[in-house]
Amino acid sequence: MRILLVEDDMRLAETLAEALTDQRYVVDFVADGEAGWHQANVLDYDMLLLDVMLPVLDGFALCH
């Protein structure tokens, strides 16, 4: 399963990515909503894990 993690807090993102990778998920990480939008359009993901308060484009707008 491939997951896109969109999180602007680097420490939290690293912790989440490590935990998910330990469970054998493939995790791609970006730090803002605009990069998340681009990444989600470039690759196919099984799940998006979004922060709500993101720079540029918030998690609600990205999900919509």
C-alpha atoms as a PDB file:
ATOM      1  CA  MET A   1       0.000   0.000   0.000  1.00  0.00           C
ATOM      2  CA  ARG A   2       1.353   3.420  -0.962  1.00  0.00           C
ATOM      3  CA  ILE A   3       0.598   6.405   1.304  1.00  0.00           C
ATOM      4  CA  LEU A   4       1.117  10.106   0.690  1.00  0.00           C
ATOM      5  CA  LEU A   5       1.868  11.910   3.949  1.00  0.00           C
ATOM      6  CA  VAL A   6       1.294  15.671   3.780  1.00  0.00           C
ATOM      7  CA  GLU A   7       2.622  17.248   6.987  1.00  0.00           C
ATOM      8  CA  ASP A   8       4.535  20.466   7.644  1.00  0.00           C
ATOM      9  CA  ASP A   9       5.908  19.414  11.058  1.00  0.00           C
ATOM     10  CA  MET A  10       9.101  17.552  10.125  1.00  0.00           C
ATOM     11  CA  ARG A  11       9.482  15.722  13.454  1.00  0.00           C
ATOM     12  CA  LEU A  12       5.908  14.452  13.349  1.00  0.00           C
ATOM     13  CA  ALA A  13       6.215  13.507   9.674  1.00  0.00           C
ATOM     14  CA  GLU A  14       9.410  11.536  10.311  1.00  0.00           C
ATOM     15  CA  THR A  15       7.815   9.713  13.258  1.00  0.00           C
ATOM     16  CA  LEU A  16       4.666   8.852  11.284  1.00  0.00           C
ATOM     17  CA  ALA A  17       6.634   7.790   8.206  1.00  0.00           C
ATOM     18  CA  GLU A  18       8.884   5.571  10.295  1.00  0.00           C
ATOM     19  CA  ALA A  19       5.922   3.919  12.051  1.00  0.00           C
ATOM     20  CA  LEU A  20       4.142   3.313   8.739  1.00  0.00           C
ATOM     21  CA  THR A  21       7.297   2.035   7.045  1.00  0.00           C
ATOM     22  CA  ASP A  22       7.813  -0.386   9.937  1.00  0.00           C
ATOM     23  CA  GLN A  23       4.367  -1.769   9.075  1.00  0.00           C
ATOM     24  CA  ARG A  24       5.560  -2.267   5.472  1.00  0.00           C
ATOM     25  CA  TYR A  25       3.739   0.656   3.889  1.00  0.00           C
ATOM     26  CA  VAL A  26       5.451   2.718   1.211  1.00  0.00           C
ATOM     27  CA  VAL A  27       5.363   6.348   2.356  1.00  0.00           C
ATOM     28  CA  ASP A  28       6.017   9.464   0.308  1.00  0.00           C
ATOM     29  CA  PHE A  29       6.232  12.761   2.183  1.00  0.00           C
ATOM     30  CA  VAL A  30       5.623  16.382   1.207  1.00  0.00           C
ATOM     31  CA  ALA A  31       5.458  19.447   3.459  1.00  0.00           C
ATOM     32  CA  ASP A  32       2.663  21.594   2.005  1.00  0.00           C
ATOM     33  CA  GLY A  33      -0.719  21.265   0.355  1.00  0.00           C
ATOM     34  CA  GLU A  34       0.365  22.475  -3.076  1.00  0.00           C
ATOM     35  CA  ALA A  35       3.154  19.879  -3.220  1.00  0.00           C
ATOM     36  CA  GLY A  36       0.632  17.290  -1.987  1.00  0.00           C
ATOM     37  CA  TRP A  37      -1.758  18.206  -4.819  1.00  0.00           C
ATOM     38  CA  HIS A  38       1.035  17.843  -7.374  1.00  0.00           C
ATOM     39  CA  GLN A  39       2.295  14.559  -5.918  1.00  0.00           C
ATOM     40  CA  ALA A  40      -1.205  13.045  -5.760  1.00  0.00           C
ATOM     41  CA  ASN A  41      -1.683  13.856  -9.458  1.00  0.00           C
ATOM     42  CA  VAL A  42       1.664  12.342 -10.461  1.00  0.00           C
ATOM     43  CA  LEU A  43       1.435   9.003  -8.629  1.00  0.00           C
ATOM     44  CA  ASP A  44      -1.391   6.695  -7.561  1.00  0.00           C
ATOM     45  CA  TYR A  45      -1.869   6.453  -3.799  1.00  0.00           C
ATOM     46  CA  ASP A  46      -4.000   4.095  -1.773  1.00  0.00           C
ATOM     47  CA  MET A  47      -4.338   6.639   1.012  1.00  0.00           C
ATOM     48  CA  LEU A  48      -3.595  10.302   1.714  1.00  0.00           C
ATOM     49  CA  LEU A  49      -2.712  11.227   5.286  1.00  0.00           C
ATOM     50  CA  LEU A  50      -3.258  14.980   5.563  1.00  0.00           C
ATOM     51  CA  ASP A  51      -2.539  17.627   8.145  1.00  0.00           C
ATOM     52  CA  VAL A  52      -5.458  20.067   8.375  1.00  0.00           C
ATOM     53  CA  MET A  53      -3.389  23.224   8.835  1.00  0.00           C
ATOM     54  CA  LEU A  54      -0.909  23.215   5.952  1.00  0.00           C
ATOM     55  CA  PRO A  55       0.883  26.093   4.274  1.00  0.00           C
ATOM     56  CA  VAL A  56      -0.243  27.177   0.790  1.00  0.00           C
ATOM     57  CA  LEU A  57      -3.248  24.795   0.510  1.00  0.00           C
ATOM     58  CA  ASP A  58      -4.855  23.429   3.698  1.00  0.00           C
ATOM     59  CA  GLY A  59      -5.743  19.785   4.234  1.00  0.00           C
ATOM     60  CA  PHE A  60      -9.504  20.363   3.823  1.00  0.00           C
ATOM     61  CA  ALA A  61      -9.051  22.042   0.437  1.00  0.00           C
ATOM     62  CA  LEU A  62      -6.606  19.364  -0.672  1.00  0.00           C
ATOM     63  CA  CYS A  63      -9.032  16.603   0.317  1.00  0.00           C
ATOM     64  CA  HIS A  64     -11.905  18.296  -1.460  1.00  0.00           C
END
